[in-house]
């Protein structure tokens, strides 16, 4: 059996919301078949409301205690009232969509009842007042009650002043219709208020489900970005060093230097493998509050030492007393690693790769300066993009730009310390 996508989505939402079944077999039936219920209500109202218009004779007690037969209303009037009743009952079939039209039609019939010789009424006004309160609003129902009964009262006074009806008929008609309308409004206000409250709760629950899915998608995208950033930092630097060492081992004729280069390449590969295992271990076994990073920050000294083993003229200068937070130290290590890696990749004939780290009480400044750039560089790569993201997460700044012919500078300024909440959030980033 095929199911439409809209119905499948609705069923999935109801399953996730775990809505309870409506109580009672009859209530569940009417909830599934609202049109059938409205047709039944319209037929009942038609039978009970059309009967007063078909009475063509009536008797009254005279002043001397006898009975007198009073002429019935004209046939045209009776037919007119019957037609109005039928139209009002027909509107009840669409009362959920047109509650105001059904309400107005019911009061038109109530006005027409005053033209009968005897006070008459029916359930039309009760059903219409209930419908307006449930399917429009409680405020609209009370306003409608006041306006409808006011109009009915004025019409009764007008008919009395013109001598068409007596005071007794006017009072009986007004009180009878007021009772029906008031009962319908009170019940409808109670049911409608509960209905709207439940709809608001369900709607809010659906919004929470949507927000939950959106947060999950955002978290997944952020997780992919963090994984890509870590993978790039580990793999790019390690492979660059390994390539440089391998090329040096292949180019040299000295067996001792070749072996040293091969050993250094193997050591670099093992270090990268250890970092990869640490990161994957966090992804596999860590909870939601475990930072996606190796246990210890990357030491800039190790990065510079690896570049020196590969034959590059890298130097490191550290000024001030290191006292930055763990998140900042980790970012410093990655910035130095990416800066040195880019220098090794884009400046193979560099005469200097100068790394400078300056610690102060409020900030840490990292500078990676090199010459010998032979090709175009920019911020389109994953590495520099990741560094900009790291600096942004720490409320810091990072610039990567050319400072002269063949020279390139990577400059970052990071806060030395952060509040505990921000530090925890940045470590997870």
Protein backbone atom coordinates (compact mmCIF):
# COMPACT_ATOMS: atom_id res chain seq x y z
CA UNK A 1 0.00 0.00 0.00
CA UNK A 2 1.40 3.38 -1.05
CA UNK A 3 1.46 6.32 1.39
CA UNK A 4 1.72 9.94 0.31
CA UNK A 5 4.81 11.89 1.52
CA UNK A 6 2.63 14.38 3.42
CA UNK A 7 0.80 11.58 5.24
CA UNK A 8 4.09 9.81 5.97
CA UNK A 9 5.51 13.03 7.44
CA UNK A 10 2.37 13.51 9.54
CA UNK A 11 2.52 9.93 10.81
CA UNK A 12 6.21 10.35 11.66
CA UNK A 13 5.50 13.57 13.58
CA UNK A 14 2.62 11.99 15.50
CA UNK A 15 4.82 9.00 16.30
CA UNK A 16 7.61 11.25 17.58
CA UNK A 17 5.17 13.42 19.53
CA UNK A 18 3.51 10.26 20.94
CA UNK A 19 0.08 11.83 21.01
CA UNK A 20 -2.48 9.85 23.04
CA UNK A 21 -5.57 8.46 21.38
CA UNK A 22 -8.76 10.50 21.92
CA UNK A 23 -10.82 8.90 24.71
CA UNK A 24 -14.02 7.06 23.84
CA UNK A 25 -15.06 5.15 20.74
CA UNK A 26 -17.75 7.66 19.77
CA UNK A 27 -15.40 10.64 20.12
CA UNK A 28 -12.74 8.92 18.01
CA UNK A 29 -15.37 8.18 15.36
CA UNK A 30 -16.55 11.81 15.19
CA UNK A 31 -12.92 12.99 15.14
CA UNK A 32 -12.23 10.79 12.10
CA UNK A 33 -15.57 11.64 10.38
CA UNK A 34 -16.36 15.30 11.16
CA UNK A 35 -18.60 15.79 8.11
CA UNK A 36 -20.84 12.88 9.09
CA UNK A 37 -21.24 14.35 12.56
CA UNK A 38 -22.15 17.77 11.14
CA UNK A 39 -24.76 16.22 8.84
CA UNK A 40 -26.39 14.43 11.78
CA UNK A 41 -26.43 17.66 13.82
CA UNK A 42 -27.94 19.57 10.89
CA UNK A 43 -30.73 16.99 10.45
CA UNK A 44 -31.59 17.03 14.15
CA UNK A 45 -31.70 20.83 14.15
CA UNK A 46 -33.89 20.79 11.03
CA UNK A 47 -36.45 18.49 12.63
CA UNK A 48 -36.61 20.45 15.89
CA UNK A 49 -36.44 23.94 14.37
CA UNK A 50 -38.86 23.56 11.45
CA UNK A 51 -41.71 22.20 13.59
CA UNK A 52 -42.83 25.59 15.08
CA UNK A 53 -43.32 27.06 11.61
CA UNK A 54 -45.75 24.29 10.62
CA UNK A 55 -48.27 25.06 13.39
CA UNK A 56 -51.25 26.70 11.71
CA UNK A 57 -53.70 26.78 14.62
CA UNK A 58 -53.40 27.45 18.30
CA UNK A 59 -55.72 28.16 21.23
CA UNK A 60 -55.59 30.79 23.92
CA UNK A 61 -57.54 31.30 27.13
CA UNK A 62 -59.97 34.23 26.96
CA UNK A 63 -60.60 36.75 29.72
CA UNK A 64 -63.79 34.93 30.79
CA UNK A 65 -62.02 31.59 31.20
CA UNK A 66 -63.05 30.06 27.85
CA UNK A 67 -60.94 29.06 24.89
CA UNK A 68 -60.71 30.85 21.57
CA UNK A 69 -59.12 29.59 18.39
CA UNK A 70 -56.62 32.09 17.06
CA UNK A 71 -55.83 32.22 13.37
CA UNK A 72 -52.45 30.83 12.39
CA UNK A 73 -49.89 33.01 10.63
CA UNK A 74 -50.23 33.31 6.89
CA UNK A 75 -48.98 30.39 4.82
CA UNK A 76 -46.39 32.56 3.09
CA UNK A 77 -44.89 33.47 6.45
CA UNK A 78 -44.74 29.85 7.56
CA UNK A 79 -43.09 28.85 4.28
CA UNK A 80 -40.60 31.70 4.58
CA UNK A 81 -39.62 30.70 8.12
CA UNK A 82 -39.30 27.06 7.06
CA UNK A 83 -36.99 28.04 4.18
CA UNK A 84 -34.87 30.14 6.53
CA UNK A 85 -34.61 27.21 8.93
CA UNK A 86 -33.56 24.88 6.10
CA UNK A 87 -30.88 27.33 4.92
CA UNK A 88 -29.54 27.79 8.45
CA UNK A 89 -29.41 24.01 8.97
CA UNK A 90 -27.66 23.58 5.61
CA UNK A 91 -24.98 26.03 6.78
CA UNK A 92 -24.40 23.84 9.82
CA UNK A 93 -22.86 21.22 7.52
CA UNK A 94 -20.00 23.71 6.89
CA UNK A 95 -20.09 25.23 10.38
CA UNK A 96 -16.41 24.42 11.07
CA UNK A 97 -15.31 26.47 8.07
CA UNK A 98 -18.03 29.16 8.22
CA UNK A 99 -18.84 29.58 11.94
CA UNK A 100 -19.83 33.24 11.62
CA UNK A 101 -22.23 32.57 8.73
CA UNK A 102 -23.95 29.80 10.71
CA UNK A 103 -24.18 32.12 13.73
CA UNK A 104 -25.79 34.94 11.72
CA UNK A 105 -28.24 32.53 10.06
CA UNK A 106 -29.30 31.18 13.46
CA UNK A 107 -30.11 34.69 14.70
CA UNK A 108 -32.05 35.43 11.52
CA UNK A 109 -34.22 32.42 12.31
CA UNK A 110 -34.54 33.60 15.94
CA UNK A 111 -35.83 36.97 14.69
CA UNK A 112 -38.27 35.21 12.38
CA UNK A 113 -39.65 33.11 15.27
CA UNK A 114 -40.98 36.30 16.88
CA UNK A 115 -43.47 36.64 14.02
CA UNK A 116 -45.21 33.43 15.05
CA UNK A 117 -48.35 33.61 17.16
CA UNK A 118 -46.74 31.60 19.96
CA UNK A 119 -43.15 31.88 21.29
CA UNK A 120 -41.02 29.26 19.54
CA UNK A 121 -37.42 28.20 19.38
CA UNK A 122 -35.01 25.45 18.46
CA UNK A 123 -31.45 24.24 18.99
CA UNK A 124 -30.07 26.31 16.11
CA UNK A 125 -28.87 29.15 18.31
CA UNK A 126 -27.31 26.74 20.82
CA UNK A 127 -25.31 24.93 18.13
CA UNK A 128 -24.32 28.14 16.34
CA UNK A 129 -23.09 29.83 19.57
CA UNK A 130 -21.10 26.71 20.49
CA UNK A 131 -19.59 26.59 16.98
CA UNK A 132 -18.53 30.25 17.04
CA UNK A 133 -16.79 29.80 20.41
CA UNK A 134 -14.97 26.62 19.39
CA UNK A 135 -14.01 27.35 15.77
CA UNK A 136 -13.53 31.12 15.93
CA UNK A 137 -12.72 32.43 19.41
CA UNK A 138 -14.24 32.88 22.85
CA UNK A 139 -14.14 36.64 22.43
CA UNK A 140 -16.04 36.43 19.15
CA UNK A 141 -18.68 34.24 20.83
CA UNK A 142 -19.31 36.71 23.67
CA UNK A 143 -19.39 39.68 21.28
CA UNK A 144 -21.77 37.74 19.05
CA UNK A 145 -24.00 36.90 22.01
CA UNK A 146 -24.22 40.54 23.07
CA UNK A 147 -24.83 41.80 19.52
CA UNK A 148 -27.33 39.08 18.65
CA UNK A 149 -29.39 39.40 21.82
CA UNK A 150 -29.32 43.20 21.57
CA UNK A 151 -30.62 43.00 18.02
CA UNK A 152 -33.25 40.47 19.05
CA UNK A 153 -34.40 42.72 21.91
CA UNK A 154 -34.68 45.79 19.69
CA UNK A 155 -36.61 43.81 17.09
CA UNK A 156 -39.00 42.53 19.80
CA UNK A 157 -39.62 46.09 21.04
CA UNK A 158 -40.28 47.23 17.49
CA UNK A 159 -42.82 44.45 16.92
CA UNK A 160 -44.50 45.27 20.25
CA UNK A 161 -44.75 49.01 19.47
CA UNK A 162 -46.33 48.23 16.10
CA UNK A 163 -48.83 45.89 17.79
CA UNK A 164 -47.69 42.72 16.02
CA UNK A 165 -46.77 40.81 19.21
CA UNK A 166 -47.58 41.15 22.89
CA UNK A 167 -45.14 41.81 25.72
CA UNK A 168 -45.48 38.20 26.88
CA UNK A 169 -44.52 36.81 23.48
CA UNK A 170 -41.54 39.20 23.30
CA UNK A 171 -40.29 38.27 26.77
CA UNK A 172 -40.75 34.53 26.25
CA UNK A 173 -38.96 34.68 22.90
CA UNK A 174 -36.04 36.72 24.21
CA UNK A 175 -35.57 34.65 27.39
CA UNK A 176 -35.83 31.36 25.53
CA UNK A 177 -33.26 32.31 22.89
CA UNK A 178 -30.98 33.90 25.53
CA UNK A 179 -30.96 30.66 27.51
CA UNK A 180 -30.01 28.58 24.47
CA UNK A 181 -27.34 31.05 23.29
CA UNK A 182 -25.84 31.40 26.77
CA UNK A 183 -25.60 27.63 27.28
CA UNK A 184 -23.97 27.18 23.86
CA UNK A 185 -21.50 30.02 24.47
CA UNK A 186 -20.45 28.74 27.90
CA UNK A 187 -19.92 25.17 26.72
CA UNK A 188 -18.19 26.36 23.53
CA UNK A 189 -15.87 28.70 25.45
CA UNK A 190 -14.77 25.84 27.68
CA UNK A 191 -14.30 23.33 24.85
CA UNK A 192 -12.74 25.91 22.51
CA UNK A 193 -10.26 27.11 25.11
CA UNK A 194 -9.14 23.56 25.82
CA UNK A 195 -8.93 22.79 22.09
CA UNK A 196 -6.79 25.84 21.37
CA UNK A 197 -4.55 25.11 24.33
CA UNK A 198 -3.92 21.55 23.16
CA UNK A 199 -3.27 22.78 19.61
CA UNK A 200 -0.77 25.32 20.96
CA UNK A 201 1.00 22.61 22.98
CA UNK A 202 1.16 20.28 19.96
CA UNK A 203 2.36 23.12 17.72
CA UNK A 204 5.07 24.01 20.22
CA UNK A 205 6.10 20.36 20.39
CA UNK A 206 6.39 20.26 16.59
CA UNK A 207 8.52 23.42 16.70
CA UNK A 208 10.77 21.80 19.28
CA UNK A 209 11.14 18.72 17.06
CA UNK A 210 12.05 20.96 14.11
CA UNK A 211 14.55 22.90 16.22
CA UNK A 212 16.01 19.64 17.48
CA UNK A 213 16.54 18.43 13.91
CA UNK A 214 18.06 21.77 12.92
CA UNK A 215 20.41 21.75 15.91
CA UNK A 216 21.41 18.19 15.03
CA UNK A 217 22.20 19.24 11.45
CA UNK A 218 24.18 22.27 12.64
CA UNK A 219 26.07 20.13 15.15
CA UNK A 220 26.83 17.53 12.46
CA UNK A 221 28.11 20.23 10.10
CA UNK A 222 30.28 21.72 12.85
CA UNK A 223 31.57 18.25 13.71
CA UNK A 224 32.51 17.61 10.07
CA UNK A 225 34.29 20.97 9.94
CA UNK A 226 36.25 20.18 13.11
CA UNK A 227 37.20 16.73 11.83
CA UNK A 228 38.31 18.19 8.49
CA UNK A 229 40.35 20.86 10.28
CA UNK A 230 42.10 18.35 12.55
CA UNK A 231 42.72 15.88 9.74
CA UNK A 232 44.21 18.61 7.58
CA UNK A 233 46.49 19.88 10.34
CA UNK A 234 47.79 16.40 11.12
CA UNK A 235 48.05 14.94 7.62
CA UNK A 236 49.22 18.03 5.75
CA UNK A 237 52.11 18.85 8.05
CA UNK A 238 53.25 15.25 8.47
CA UNK A 239 53.10 14.44 4.77
CA UNK A 240 54.93 17.65 3.87
CA UNK A 241 57.75 16.76 6.25
CA UNK A 242 57.81 13.14 5.04
CA UNK A 243 57.95 14.27 1.39
CA UNK A 244 60.81 16.66 2.12
CA UNK A 245 62.76 14.01 4.04
CA UNK A 246 62.14 11.39 1.36
CA UNK A 247 63.30 13.74 -1.40
CA UNK A 248 66.38 14.61 0.62
CA UNK A 249 67.16 10.91 1.23
CA UNK A 250 66.74 10.17 -2.49
CA UNK A 251 68.92 13.12 -3.53
CA UNK A 252 71.86 12.53 -1.19
CA UNK A 253 74.67 10.09 -1.98
CA UNK A 254 75.68 9.84 1.66
CA UNK A 255 74.25 6.61 3.09
CA UNK A 256 74.39 7.97 6.62
CA UNK A 257 72.37 11.07 5.75
CA UNK A 258 69.94 8.95 3.74
CA UNK A 259 69.35 6.64 6.68
CA UNK A 260 68.89 9.59 9.02
CA UNK A 261 66.37 11.15 6.67
CA UNK A 262 64.50 7.85 6.33
CA UNK A 263 64.46 7.41 10.11
CA UNK A 264 63.16 10.96 10.55
CA UNK A 265 60.43 10.31 7.98
CA UNK A 266 59.40 7.14 9.80
CA UNK A 267 59.36 8.99 13.13
CA UNK A 268 57.19 11.73 11.64
CA UNK A 269 54.80 9.15 10.24
CA UNK A 270 54.56 7.40 13.60
CA UNK A 271 53.84 10.73 15.32
CA UNK A 272 51.09 11.49 12.82
CA UNK A 273 49.63 8.02 13.33
CA UNK A 274 49.63 8.54 17.10
CA UNK A 275 47.78 11.86 16.72
CA UNK A 276 45.28 10.26 14.32
CA UNK A 277 44.60 7.44 16.78
CA UNK A 278 44.11 9.91 19.62
CA UNK A 279 41.65 11.96 17.59
CA UNK A 280 39.73 8.91 16.33
CA UNK A 281 39.64 7.56 19.89
CA UNK A 282 37.89 10.74 21.03
CA UNK A 283 35.43 10.46 18.13
CA UNK A 284 34.68 6.81 18.82
CA UNK A 285 34.61 6.65 22.62
CA UNK A 286 34.27 10.24 23.85
CA UNK A 287 31.06 11.78 25.08
CA UNK A 288 29.47 14.99 23.90
CA UNK A 289 31.56 17.07 26.32
CA UNK A 290 34.94 15.62 25.31
CA UNK A 291 37.03 18.08 23.23
CA UNK A 292 37.83 16.98 19.71
CA UNK A 293 41.59 17.33 20.09
CA UNK A 294 44.61 15.31 21.23
CA UNK A 295 45.21 15.32 24.97
CA UNK A 296 48.16 17.72 24.75
CA UNK A 297 48.64 20.82 22.56
CA UNK A 298 51.06 20.57 19.65
CA UNK A 299 54.47 21.81 20.80
CA UNK A 300 55.87 24.48 18.42
CA UNK A 301 59.38 23.17 19.21
CA UNK A 302 58.52 19.80 17.70
CA UNK A 303 57.21 21.50 14.56
CA UNK A 304 60.37 23.56 14.13
CA UNK A 305 62.57 20.55 14.87
CA UNK A 306 60.78 18.48 12.22
CA UNK A 307 61.32 21.26 9.67
CA UNK A 308 64.99 21.45 10.56
CA UNK A 309 65.36 17.67 10.10
CA UNK A 310 63.85 18.08 6.65
CA UNK A 311 66.58 20.57 5.81
CA UNK A 312 64.71 23.87 6.19
CA UNK A 313 66.26 26.86 8.00
CA UNK A 314 63.56 27.13 10.65
CA UNK A 315 64.11 29.02 13.91
CA UNK A 316 61.95 29.54 16.99
CA UNK A 317 61.93 32.50 19.37
CA UNK A 318 59.77 32.59 22.48
CA UNK A 319 59.40 35.78 24.52
CA UNK A 320 57.63 36.20 27.83
CA UNK A 321 56.36 33.65 30.31
CA UNK A 322 53.94 31.10 28.81
CA UNK A 323 50.68 31.10 30.76
CA UNK A 324 47.92 30.86 28.19
CA UNK A 325 44.87 28.63 28.51
CA UNK A 326 44.83 25.12 27.08
CA UNK A 327 42.63 26.18 24.15
CA UNK A 328 45.00 29.03 23.29
CA UNK A 329 48.10 26.81 23.59
CA UNK A 330 46.49 24.27 21.29
CA UNK A 331 45.67 26.99 18.74
CA UNK A 332 49.25 28.30 18.94
CA UNK A 333 50.61 24.87 18.14
CA UNK A 334 48.31 24.47 15.13
CA UNK A 335 49.06 27.97 13.83
CA UNK A 336 52.81 27.36 14.01
CA UNK A 337 52.37 23.95 12.41
CA UNK A 338 50.31 25.31 9.51
CA UNK A 339 52.59 28.32 9.00
CA UNK A 340 55.74 26.18 8.87
CA UNK A 341 54.02 23.60 6.64
CA UNK A 342 52.96 26.29 4.15
CA UNK A 343 56.51 27.71 4.14
CA UNK A 344 57.95 24.25 3.42
CA UNK A 345 55.41 23.69 0.66
CA UNK A 346 55.41 27.09 -1.08
CA UNK A 347 58.97 28.23 -0.29
CA UNK A 348 61.23 25.21 -0.92
CA UNK A 349 64.24 27.51 -1.36
CA UNK A 350 63.59 29.67 1.66
CA UNK A 351 66.60 31.10 3.41
CA UNK A 352 64.68 31.68 6.64
CA UNK A 353 61.54 30.44 8.32
CA UNK A 354 61.33 32.51 11.49
CA UNK A 355 58.78 31.55 14.13
CA UNK A 356 58.21 34.04 16.94
CA UNK A 357 55.86 33.62 19.93
CA UNK A 358 55.43 36.48 22.39
CA UNK A 359 53.48 36.04 25.63
CA UNK A 360 52.00 38.96 27.58
CA UNK A 361 49.51 39.15 30.43
CA UNK A 362 46.56 39.66 28.09
CA UNK A 363 47.49 38.23 24.68
CA UNK A 364 49.74 35.89 22.76
CA UNK A 365 51.26 36.98 19.42
CA UNK A 366 52.39 34.37 16.91
CA UNK A 367 54.43 35.32 13.86
CA UNK A 368 55.65 32.96 11.13
CA UNK A 369 57.76 34.80 8.55
CA UNK A 370 59.52 33.23 5.56
CA UNK A 371 60.97 34.11 2.18
CA UNK A 372 61.45 32.17 -1.02
CA UNK A 373 57.79 31.94 -2.02
CA UNK A 374 57.62 30.64 -5.57
CA UNK A 375 53.90 30.28 -6.24
CA UNK A 376 50.58 31.99 -5.47
CA UNK A 377 49.19 31.55 -1.97
CA UNK A 378 46.02 32.76 -0.30
CA UNK A 379 43.31 31.87 2.17
CA UNK A 380 41.33 29.53 -0.07
CA UNK A 381 43.00 26.39 1.24
CA UNK A 382 41.62 24.33 4.09
CA UNK A 383 44.61 25.02 6.31
CA UNK A 384 44.43 28.82 6.46
CA UNK A 385 40.65 28.66 6.54
CA UNK A 386 40.90 26.42 9.58
CA UNK A 387 43.33 28.82 11.25
CA UNK A 388 40.94 31.71 10.72
CA UNK A 389 38.19 29.61 12.29
CA UNK A 390 40.39 28.77 15.29
CA UNK A 391 41.29 32.41 15.84
CA UNK A 392 37.64 33.43 15.51
CA UNK A 393 36.56 30.81 18.08
CA UNK A 394 39.05 32.30 20.54
CA UNK A 395 37.99 35.90 19.79
CA UNK A 396 41.39 36.51 18.25
CA UNK A 397 42.67 37.79 14.91
CA UNK A 398 44.77 36.18 12.18
CA UNK A 399 46.32 37.66 9.04
CA UNK A 400 48.10 35.84 6.26
CA UNK A 401 49.60 38.16 3.66
CA UNK A 402 52.53 38.98 1.45
CA UNK A 403 54.99 41.44 2.97
CA UNK A 404 57.29 41.86 0.01
CA UNK A 405 58.61 40.12 -3.04
CA UNK A 406 58.92 36.44 -2.23
CA UNK A 407 58.15 36.97 1.47
CA UNK A 408 55.08 35.82 3.36
CA UNK A 409 53.92 36.50 6.90
CA UNK A 410 51.40 34.71 9.10
CA UNK A 411 50.44 36.86 12.07
CA UNK A 412 47.98 35.85 14.84
CA UNK A 413 46.91 37.57 18.05
CA UNK A 414 45.06 35.42 20.60
CA UNK A 415 43.77 36.16 24.11
CA UNK A 416 45.99 34.74 26.82
CA UNK A 417 43.13 33.50 28.98
CA UNK A 418 39.36 33.07 28.83
CA UNK A 419 36.45 32.43 31.18
CA UNK A 420 35.89 28.77 31.98
CA UNK A 421 32.68 28.48 29.94
CA UNK A 422 34.22 29.99 26.81
CA UNK A 423 37.37 27.93 27.26
CA UNK A 424 35.37 24.71 27.44
CA UNK A 425 33.42 25.66 24.32
CA UNK A 426 36.54 26.56 22.34
CA UNK A 427 38.32 23.39 23.34
CA UNK A 428 35.40 21.42 21.92
CA UNK A 429 35.75 23.44 18.71
